[in-house]
Amino acid sequence: MQGQKLFRRSMKCKLNKNFKKSIVCYISIAGVLLLLQVIAWNSRSFSDAYIAYIFPVWVNTYGRLTGIFPFSVGEWMIAAGIAVVLAAALLGCSMLLPWCRHSEKYRRGVHRYFCFFTWTVLFVFAIMTLNCTMIYHGSTFSEKYITRAADGKTSGESIENNGNGGMSENSVSSGQVTSNQVRTEQLLQIYNDIVAHCNELSTVVERDSTGAAVYLGGVDSTGKTVDMEDKAIDVMQNLGKTYDQLDGYYPRPKPMFFSDFMCQMYMCGYYFPFSMEANYNDVMYLMKKPATMCHELAHIRGYIYEDEANFIAFLACISSDDATFQYSGYLSVLNYVANDLYRTRLADPESYAAAREAVRPLQVLHQVQEDNIFVAQEEWNRINGKAIVDTETVDSVSDTLTDASLKMNGVSDGMVSYNRVVELLLQWYAANGAF
């Protein structure tokens, strides 16, 4: 009897010692991760070095590992994570029951589960730190690659001071020309270029008997016939020849099993930091897919901001030799530019009217309007017909969570940041002599 007591006491001491070691280890790892986040927030050079030398290692190892699987690992990791959290909540509540509290075996089981739970939380924190938060604070794409005016002014200002004062020949008038008018004229020129390409490409892409766009395969840079996913990798790697940070390994984009739910959230794709995957909504209309795949792949190369990923996807697609990708690239920014013009018209009607007189906007073909959709109506009917929660509610919750996540990572304007792709377009067109 005395021997049993001594044995139990010895085991208890050993468990306590192991528990203390686990606590120290846990706090140490969490502390290092927090320190990395603090340094990244306060040192752009540190973040740039991490993105250039460390982050690619994760892509080439962890990204290749998850890339082995034909399905979205991150999607099922989220599902598993929800299950783990629910189990923790249920076990926590169960400890309020007397028979659970008084069962030593049950308490030990609960204790082991919560140890597993805390380490799971730390794992998620580590992955999010290394594959997401750390890369939020590096130099932007435009800072690295887009030519700026010698005086170092930002997009709108550098464009205005370019050449003949930043104005096209048509913008010069006898009266005072405001900066708003100059910008609007430039934006109208960009809009016309995008519309012209969309109108032309809408007549070239392959379609089925109903007129819907289809993709029968493309050809990569080696002459090999490939599907859309491999073509997306090919166009991104080709863009990497111009912009070195985009060069390197890309995992194959993966369709999401819960694409219907993605539609309800109005999400085209998702970069999963904890699995380093580029995932896309497989239910959305085909013309959305090429640009979306390239957008998510841009995140894989360290460009985590949504406006930059939008812009990189645009560049990758329009630089392609594939008409479907080109069309998708121009379509991906058409609404952003059109919406910016609309906001300009509301904010400054006089400047907009003067700019419109100088640069008349082109008419968008009906076929382009039909192709510029998120989801086909028949798919919407199917999704809403079987939805457990209505789409409006899902979309509202999704927007709130996404906005909060972006702001937590230092993106002060949250989801509005997607619209900043317009400023990148202004910079790029100006750098390429459009104005």
Protein backbone atom coordinates (compact mmCIF):
# COMPACT_ATOMS: atom_id res chain seq x y z
CA MET A 1 0.00 0.00 0.00
CA GLN A 2 2.77 2.36 0.99
CA GLY A 3 4.63 1.44 -2.23
CA GLN A 4 1.61 2.35 -4.34
CA LYS A 5 1.37 5.74 -2.64
CA LEU A 6 5.05 6.41 -3.25
CA PHE A 7 4.66 5.36 -6.90
CA ARG A 8 1.68 7.66 -7.43
CA ARG A 9 3.52 10.51 -5.71
CA SER A 10 6.58 9.91 -7.92
CA MET A 11 4.45 9.89 -11.09
CA LYS A 12 2.69 13.05 -9.98
CA CYS A 13 6.01 14.83 -9.46
CA LYS A 14 7.22 13.64 -12.83
CA LEU A 15 4.03 14.87 -14.52
CA ASN A 16 4.31 18.24 -12.78
CA LYS A 17 7.93 18.55 -13.90
CA ASN A 18 6.98 17.69 -17.51
CA PHE A 19 4.10 20.12 -17.35
CA LYS A 20 6.38 22.92 -16.20
CA LYS A 21 8.83 22.14 -19.02
CA SER A 22 5.94 22.25 -21.52
CA ILE A 23 4.82 25.62 -20.17
CA VAL A 24 8.33 27.05 -20.47
CA CYS A 25 8.67 25.69 -24.01
CA TYR A 26 5.25 27.01 -24.98
CA ILE A 27 5.89 30.50 -23.62
CA SER A 28 9.34 30.60 -25.25
CA ILE A 29 7.98 29.73 -28.71
CA ALA A 30 5.08 32.17 -28.35
CA GLY A 31 7.51 34.86 -27.21
CA VAL A 32 9.77 34.35 -30.24
CA LEU A 33 6.78 34.55 -32.58
CA LEU A 34 5.57 37.75 -30.93
CA LEU A 35 9.05 39.22 -31.18
CA LEU A 36 9.17 38.41 -34.90
CA GLN A 37 5.83 40.15 -35.38
CA VAL A 38 6.98 43.24 -33.48
CA ILE A 39 10.19 43.45 -35.52
CA ALA A 40 8.29 42.95 -38.79
CA TRP A 41 5.83 45.71 -37.89
CA ASN A 42 8.67 48.12 -37.17
CA SER A 43 11.33 47.17 -39.72
CA ARG A 44 10.57 47.01 -43.43
CA SER A 45 14.12 45.90 -44.22
CA PHE A 46 13.69 42.94 -41.85
CA SER A 47 10.42 41.97 -43.57
CA ASP A 48 12.01 42.36 -47.01
CA ALA A 49 14.90 40.09 -46.00
CA TYR A 50 12.45 37.51 -44.65
CA ILE A 51 10.37 37.61 -47.86
CA ALA A 52 13.47 37.34 -50.06
CA TYR A 53 15.38 34.59 -48.22
CA ILE A 54 13.21 32.74 -45.69
CA PHE A 55 9.66 32.75 -47.02
CA PRO A 56 10.65 31.01 -50.31
CA VAL A 57 12.03 28.15 -48.20
CA TRP A 58 8.57 27.61 -46.74
CA VAL A 59 7.08 27.71 -50.24
CA ASN A 60 9.59 25.16 -51.54
CA THR A 61 9.20 22.75 -48.63
CA TYR A 62 5.89 23.08 -46.83
CA GLY A 63 4.17 24.33 -50.00
CA ARG A 64 5.46 21.35 -52.00
CA LEU A 65 4.32 18.96 -49.26
CA THR A 66 0.72 20.21 -49.23
CA GLY A 67 0.85 20.46 -53.02
CA ILE A 68 1.12 16.67 -53.23
CA PHE A 69 -2.55 16.36 -52.36
CA PRO A 70 -5.06 16.93 -55.19
CA PHE A 71 -7.55 18.55 -52.82
CA SER A 72 -7.38 21.71 -50.73
CA VAL A 73 -5.57 20.76 -47.52
CA GLY A 74 -6.21 24.19 -46.01
CA GLU A 75 -9.95 23.89 -46.54
CA TRP A 76 -10.08 20.67 -44.52
CA MET A 77 -7.70 22.11 -41.94
CA ILE A 78 -10.29 24.83 -41.33
CA ALA A 79 -13.00 22.21 -40.97
CA ALA A 80 -10.80 20.24 -38.55
CA GLY A 81 -10.02 23.44 -36.64
CA ILE A 82 -13.71 24.18 -36.17
CA ALA A 83 -14.21 20.63 -34.89
CA VAL A 84 -11.29 21.01 -32.45
CA VAL A 85 -12.70 24.29 -31.07
CA LEU A 86 -16.19 22.83 -30.68
CA ALA A 87 -14.78 19.78 -28.91
CA ALA A 88 -12.85 22.03 -26.53
CA ALA A 89 -16.00 24.01 -25.76
CA LEU A 90 -18.02 20.85 -25.10
CA LEU A 91 -15.35 19.34 -22.89
CA GLY A 92 -15.06 22.59 -20.96
CA CYS A 93 -18.81 22.63 -20.37
CA SER A 94 -18.78 18.96 -19.37
CA MET A 95 -16.51 19.75 -16.45
CA LEU A 96 -19.42 21.57 -14.88
CA LEU A 97 -21.13 18.21 -14.40
CA PRO A 98 -20.39 16.52 -11.01
CA TRP A 99 -19.71 13.02 -12.39
CA CYS A 100 -17.15 14.47 -14.81
CA ARG A 101 -15.40 16.52 -12.15
CA HIS A 102 -15.16 13.57 -9.78
CA SER A 103 -13.77 11.13 -12.33
CA GLU A 104 -9.98 11.26 -12.20
CA LYS A 105 -9.70 9.34 -15.49
CA TYR A 106 -12.05 11.76 -17.24
CA ARG A 107 -10.20 14.79 -15.84
CA ARG A 108 -6.89 13.40 -17.13
CA GLY A 109 -8.45 12.88 -20.56
CA VAL A 110 -9.76 16.47 -20.60
CA HIS A 111 -6.37 17.73 -19.45
CA ARG A 112 -4.61 15.88 -22.28
CA TYR A 113 -7.06 17.25 -24.83
CA PHE A 114 -6.57 20.83 -23.68
CA CYS A 115 -2.80 20.34 -23.87
CA PHE A 116 -3.31 19.23 -27.46
CA PHE A 117 -5.63 22.20 -28.03
CA THR A 118 -3.15 24.78 -26.73
CA TRP A 119 -0.37 23.36 -28.89
CA THR A 120 -2.71 23.41 -31.88
CA VAL A 121 -3.41 27.09 -31.22
CA LEU A 122 0.33 27.75 -31.05
CA PHE A 123 0.85 25.90 -34.33
CA VAL A 124 -1.79 28.04 -36.04
CA PHE A 125 -0.23 31.18 -34.55
CA ALA A 126 3.21 30.11 -35.81
CA ILE A 127 1.99 29.36 -39.33
CA MET A 128 0.02 32.61 -39.55
CA THR A 129 3.05 34.55 -38.30
CA LEU A 130 5.50 32.96 -40.74
CA ASN A 131 3.26 32.69 -43.81
CA CYS A 132 1.07 35.75 -43.48
CA THR A 133 1.76 38.43 -40.85
CA MET A 134 5.50 38.61 -41.54
CA ILE A 135 4.96 39.36 -45.22
CA TYR A 136 2.39 42.10 -44.66
CA HIS A 137 5.09 44.62 -43.83
CA GLY A 138 7.54 44.29 -46.70
CA SER A 139 8.08 46.71 -49.58
CA THR A 140 5.26 46.99 -52.06
CA PHE A 141 5.34 45.83 -55.66
CA SER A 142 5.26 49.40 -56.97
CA GLU A 143 8.16 50.41 -54.69
CA LYS A 144 10.26 47.59 -56.10
CA TYR A 145 9.36 47.57 -59.74
CA ILE A 146 7.25 50.44 -61.08
CA THR A 147 9.20 53.45 -62.32
CA ARG A 148 8.54 56.60 -60.32
CA ALA A 149 9.08 60.23 -61.04
CA ALA A 150 12.47 61.57 -60.06
CA ASP A 151 10.99 63.70 -57.31
CA GLY A 152 9.71 60.57 -55.59
CA LYS A 153 6.09 61.60 -55.49
CA THR A 154 3.33 59.02 -55.34
CA SER A 155 1.19 57.70 -58.16
CA GLY A 156 -1.22 60.54 -58.82
CA GLU A 157 1.39 63.27 -58.30
CA SER A 158 4.11 61.62 -60.36
CA ILE A 159 1.68 61.13 -63.22
CA GLU A 160 0.62 64.78 -63.14
CA ASN A 161 4.25 65.94 -63.39
CA ASN A 162 5.15 63.61 -66.22
CA GLY A 163 6.11 65.10 -69.61
CA ASN A 164 3.61 67.80 -70.56
CA GLY A 165 2.35 68.22 -67.03
CA GLY A 166 0.79 64.77 -66.91
CA MET A 167 -1.96 65.74 -69.35
CA SER A 168 -2.79 64.21 -72.66
CA GLU A 169 -2.90 66.60 -75.60
CA ASN A 170 -6.67 66.55 -75.44
CA SER A 171 -6.70 67.68 -71.83
CA VAL A 172 -5.23 71.09 -72.45
CA SER A 173 -7.80 73.83 -72.50
CA SER A 174 -7.91 77.58 -72.16
CA GLY A 175 -9.28 77.35 -68.64
CA GLN A 176 -7.83 76.11 -65.41
CA VAL A 177 -7.37 72.34 -65.43
CA THR A 178 -7.74 70.77 -62.00
CA SER A 179 -5.75 67.80 -60.73
CA ASN A 180 -9.06 65.89 -60.45
CA GLN A 181 -9.72 66.48 -64.12
CA VAL A 182 -6.22 65.34 -65.07
CA ARG A 183 -6.58 62.16 -63.06
CA THR A 184 -10.04 61.50 -64.45
CA GLU A 185 -8.79 61.93 -68.02
CA GLN A 186 -5.99 59.49 -67.34
CA LEU A 187 -8.44 57.08 -65.77
CA LEU A 188 -10.73 57.37 -68.80
CA GLN A 189 -7.79 56.55 -71.05
CA ILE A 190 -7.08 53.45 -69.00
CA TYR A 191 -10.77 52.55 -69.06
CA ASN A 192 -10.86 52.87 -72.85
CA ASP A 193 -7.79 50.68 -73.22
CA ILE A 194 -9.31 48.01 -71.00
CA VAL A 195 -12.69 48.18 -72.76
CA ALA A 196 -11.07 48.03 -76.21
CA HIS A 197 -9.19 44.87 -75.28
CA CYS A 198 -12.27 43.31 -73.66
CA ASN A 199 -14.42 44.05 -76.71
CA GLU A 200 -11.85 42.50 -79.03
CA LEU A 201 -11.08 39.46 -76.89
CA SER A 202 -14.75 38.67 -76.30
CA THR A 203 -14.96 37.75 -79.98
CA VAL A 204 -11.89 35.51 -79.85
CA VAL A 205 -12.36 33.23 -76.80
CA GLU A 206 -13.84 29.79 -77.31
CA ARG A 207 -17.53 29.30 -76.46
CA ASP A 208 -20.03 26.46 -76.27
CA SER A 209 -23.37 26.22 -78.07
CA THR A 210 -25.02 28.46 -75.47
CA GLY A 211 -22.44 31.21 -75.91
CA ALA A 212 -20.77 30.61 -72.54
CA ALA A 213 -16.98 30.81 -72.50
CA VAL A 214 -15.12 27.50 -72.33
CA TYR A 215 -11.45 26.60 -71.97
CA LEU A 216 -10.19 23.64 -73.96
CA GLY A 217 -6.60 23.92 -72.80
CA GLY A 218 -3.58 26.09 -73.49
CA VAL A 219 0.08 25.77 -74.40
CA ASP A 220 2.86 26.54 -71.91
CA SER A 221 6.23 28.11 -72.65
CA THR A 222 7.71 24.71 -73.56
CA GLY A 223 5.00 23.96 -76.12
CA LYS A 224 3.23 21.43 -73.89
CA THR A 225 -0.58 21.34 -73.82
CA VAL A 226 -1.78 22.22 -70.33
CA ASP A 227 -4.99 22.85 -68.43
CA MET A 228 -5.96 26.18 -66.88
CA GLU A 229 -4.25 25.51 -63.54
CA ASP A 230 -0.89 24.70 -65.11
CA LYS A 231 -1.28 27.60 -67.53
CA ALA A 232 -1.73 29.92 -64.56
CA ILE A 233 1.59 28.68 -63.15
CA ASP A 234 3.18 29.17 -66.56
CA VAL A 235 2.05 32.80 -66.96
CA MET A 236 3.19 33.63 -63.41
CA GLN A 237 6.61 32.10 -64.02
CA ASN A 238 6.89 34.04 -67.27
CA LEU A 239 6.09 37.24 -65.38
CA GLY A 240 8.85 36.26 -62.95
CA LYS A 241 11.36 36.77 -65.77
CA THR A 242 10.55 40.50 -65.54
CA TYR A 243 9.93 40.75 -61.80
CA ASP A 244 12.39 38.53 -59.97
CA GLN A 245 10.41 38.07 -56.77
CA LEU A 246 7.71 36.33 -58.81
CA ASP A 247 10.21 33.80 -60.11
CA GLY A 248 10.29 30.35 -58.55
CA TYR A 249 8.12 27.40 -57.58
CA TYR A 250 4.32 27.66 -57.63
CA PRO A 251 1.98 25.02 -56.26
CA ARG A 252 -0.86 23.98 -58.53
CA PRO A 253 -4.05 26.04 -57.84
CA LYS A 254 -6.77 23.88 -56.32
CA PRO A 255 -10.56 24.06 -56.61
CA MET A 256 -12.43 24.29 -53.32
CA PHE A 257 -14.86 21.60 -52.21
CA PHE A 258 -17.02 24.23 -50.52
CA SER A 259 -17.22 26.43 -53.60
CA ASP A 260 -20.97 26.95 -53.16
CA PHE A 261 -20.30 28.49 -49.76
CA MET A 262 -17.55 30.59 -51.34
CA CYS A 263 -20.15 31.92 -53.78
CA GLN A 264 -22.36 32.95 -50.86
CA MET A 265 -19.38 34.89 -49.47
CA TYR A 266 -18.75 36.40 -52.92
CA MET A 267 -15.19 35.09 -52.75
CA CYS A 268 -13.31 34.11 -55.89
CA GLY A 269 -10.40 32.45 -54.16
CA TYR A 270 -8.41 32.11 -50.98
CA TYR A 271 -4.75 31.85 -50.03
CA PHE A 272 -4.43 29.50 -47.05
CA PRO A 273 -1.37 30.57 -45.03
CA PHE A 274 -1.48 27.41 -42.91
CA SER A 275 -1.23 25.18 -45.99
CA MET A 276 0.44 27.56 -48.48
CA GLU A 277 -2.15 26.83 -51.14
CA ALA A 278 -3.76 28.90 -53.86
CA ASN A 279 -7.41 27.93 -53.89
CA TYR A 280 -10.17 29.08 -56.21
CA ASN A 281 -13.95 28.98 -56.38
CA ASP A 282 -14.79 26.27 -58.91
CA VAL A 283 -18.43 27.35 -59.33
CA MET A 284 -17.81 30.94 -60.44
CA TYR A 285 -17.99 31.82 -64.13
CA LEU A 286 -15.03 30.62 -66.17
CA MET A 287 -13.73 34.09 -67.11
CA LYS A 288 -13.11 34.80 -63.41
CA LYS A 289 -10.86 31.79 -62.93
CA PRO A 290 -7.58 32.66 -64.72
CA ALA A 291 -7.12 36.01 -62.99
CA THR A 292 -8.21 34.51 -59.65
CA MET A 293 -5.64 31.71 -59.90
CA CYS A 294 -2.90 34.21 -60.69
CA HIS A 295 -4.10 36.46 -57.83
CA GLU A 296 -3.81 33.66 -55.29
CA LEU A 297 -0.46 32.54 -56.71
CA ALA A 298 0.83 36.10 -56.25
CA HIS A 299 0.26 35.65 -52.50
CA ILE A 300 2.50 32.57 -52.65
CA ARG A 301 5.40 34.80 -53.77
CA GLY A 302 5.02 37.17 -50.83
CA TYR A 303 2.59 39.78 -52.19
CA ILE A 304 -0.09 39.52 -49.56
CA TYR A 305 -1.92 42.81 -50.15
CA GLU A 306 -5.07 42.32 -52.19
CA ASP A 307 -4.59 45.32 -54.47
CA GLU A 308 -1.09 44.14 -55.36
CA ALA A 309 -2.28 40.60 -55.99
CA ASN A 310 -5.03 42.03 -58.23
CA PHE A 311 -2.47 44.05 -60.14
CA ILE A 312 0.01 41.19 -60.50
CA ALA A 313 -2.77 38.92 -61.76
CA PHE A 314 -3.67 41.59 -64.31
CA LEU A 315 -0.06 41.83 -65.52
CA ALA A 316 0.39 38.06 -65.66
CA CYS A 317 -2.80 37.51 -67.64
CA ILE A 318 -2.41 40.32 -70.19
CA SER A 319 1.22 39.32 -70.76
CA SER A 320 0.10 35.82 -71.67
CA ASP A 321 -0.22 34.50 -75.22
CA ASP A 322 -3.54 32.92 -74.22
CA ALA A 323 -6.69 34.86 -75.25
CA THR A 324 -8.74 33.50 -72.33
CA PHE A 325 -6.13 34.62 -69.81
CA GLN A 326 -5.79 38.01 -71.49
CA TYR A 327 -9.54 38.50 -71.44
CA SER A 328 -9.77 37.44 -67.80
CA GLY A 329 -6.97 39.87 -66.90
CA TYR A 330 -8.67 42.88 -68.46
CA LEU A 331 -12.07 41.87 -67.07
CA SER A 332 -10.57 41.56 -63.58
CA VAL A 333 -9.86 45.31 -63.39
CA LEU A 334 -12.72 46.66 -65.53
CA ASN A 335 -15.16 47.03 -62.63
CA TYR A 336 -12.54 48.63 -60.37
CA VAL A 337 -11.82 51.34 -62.93
CA ALA A 338 -15.50 51.84 -63.76
CA ASN A 339 -16.39 52.14 -60.07
CA ASP A 340 -13.60 54.66 -59.51
CA LEU A 341 -14.94 56.76 -62.38
CA TYR A 342 -18.42 56.54 -60.90
CA ARG A 343 -17.17 57.74 -57.50
CA THR A 344 -15.29 60.55 -59.24
CA ARG A 345 -18.44 61.65 -61.03
CA LEU A 346 -20.34 61.83 -57.74
CA ALA A 347 -17.56 63.63 -55.87
CA ASP A 348 -16.63 66.18 -58.54
CA PRO A 349 -19.23 66.36 -61.34
CA GLU A 350 -17.63 69.39 -63.02
CA SER A 351 -14.17 67.82 -63.32
CA TYR A 352 -15.70 64.59 -64.51
CA ALA A 353 -17.78 66.34 -67.17
CA ALA A 354 -14.74 68.27 -68.45
CA ALA A 355 -12.63 65.11 -68.53
CA ARG A 356 -15.36 63.22 -70.36
CA GLU A 357 -15.45 65.90 -73.03
CA ALA A 358 -11.71 65.45 -73.57
CA VAL A 359 -11.74 61.65 -73.46
CA ARG A 360 -14.99 60.02 -74.55
CA PRO A 361 -15.50 56.59 -72.91
CA LEU A 362 -15.90 53.59 -75.18
CA GLN A 363 -19.03 51.48 -75.21
CA VAL A 364 -18.78 48.08 -73.57
CA LEU A 365 -20.11 45.33 -75.82
CA HIS A 366 -23.08 43.34 -74.59
CA GLN A 367 -21.04 40.14 -74.76
CA VAL A 368 -18.45 41.65 -72.40
CA GLN A 369 -21.22 42.54 -69.95
CA GLU A 370 -22.47 38.96 -70.09
CA ASP A 371 -18.95 37.63 -69.45
CA ASN A 372 -18.25 40.07 -66.63
CA ILE A 373 -20.23 38.15 -64.00
CA PHE A 374 -19.32 36.33 -60.81
CA VAL A 375 -21.64 33.33 -61.04
CA ALA A 376 -24.06 32.25 -63.75
CA GLN A 377 -27.73 32.67 -62.84
CA GLU A 378 -28.50 28.95 -62.99
CA GLU A 379 -25.74 28.32 -60.45
CA TRP A 380 -27.12 31.04 -58.19
CA ASN A 381 -30.55 29.41 -58.37
CA ARG A 382 -29.06 26.06 -57.37
CA ILE A 383 -26.94 27.53 -54.53
CA ASN A 384 -29.73 29.61 -53.02
CA GLY A 385 -32.18 26.75 -53.40
CA LYS A 386 -30.23 24.47 -51.07
CA ALA A 387 -28.52 27.05 -48.83
CA ILE A 388 -28.94 26.54 -45.07
CA VAL A 389 -28.14 30.20 -44.36
CA ASP A 390 -29.21 32.88 -46.84
CA THR A 391 -26.53 34.43 -49.03
CA GLU A 392 -27.01 37.97 -47.73
CA THR A 393 -26.23 36.88 -44.16
CA VAL A 394 -23.21 34.82 -45.17
CA ASP A 395 -21.85 37.68 -47.28
CA SER A 396 -22.30 40.20 -44.47
CA VAL A 397 -20.50 38.02 -41.91
CA SER A 398 -17.73 37.23 -44.40
CA ASP A 399 -17.17 40.90 -45.21
CA THR A 400 -16.98 41.77 -41.52
CA LEU A 401 -14.44 39.03 -40.75
CA THR A 402 -12.32 39.79 -43.82
CA ASP A 403 -12.31 43.50 -43.08
CA ALA A 404 -11.30 42.86 -39.46
CA SER A 405 -8.53 40.47 -40.51
CA LEU A 406 -7.04 42.98 -42.95
CA LYS A 407 -7.13 45.78 -40.37
CA MET A 408 -5.47 43.55 -37.75
CA ASN A 409 -2.58 43.06 -40.18
CA GLY A 410 -2.06 46.78 -40.68
CA VAL A 411 -4.34 47.38 -43.69
CA SER A 412 -6.12 50.42 -42.28
CA ASP A 413 -8.83 50.63 -44.94
CA GLY A 414 -9.70 46.95 -44.75
CA MET A 415 -11.61 45.60 -47.75
CA VAL A 416 -11.48 48.99 -49.44
CA SER A 417 -7.82 48.12 -50.12
CA TYR A 418 -8.93 45.92 -53.03
CA ASN A 419 -9.84 49.13 -54.89
CA ARG A 420 -6.29 50.49 -54.64
CA VAL A 421 -5.45 48.46 -57.72
CA VAL A 422 -6.64 51.53 -59.67
CA GLU A 423 -3.72 53.56 -58.34
CA LEU A 424 -1.32 50.80 -59.36
CA LEU A 425 -2.85 50.84 -62.84
CA LEU A 426 -2.35 54.61 -63.03
CA GLN A 427 1.29 54.20 -62.04
CA TRP A 428 1.91 51.38 -64.48
CA TYR A 429 0.24 53.03 -67.45
CA ALA A 430 2.15 56.25 -66.72
CA ALA A 431 5.44 54.38 -66.43
CA ASN A 432 4.75 52.80 -69.82
CA GLY A 433 4.13 56.13 -71.51
CA ALA A 434 0.35 56.04 -71.72
CA PHE A 435 0.02 59.68 -70.65
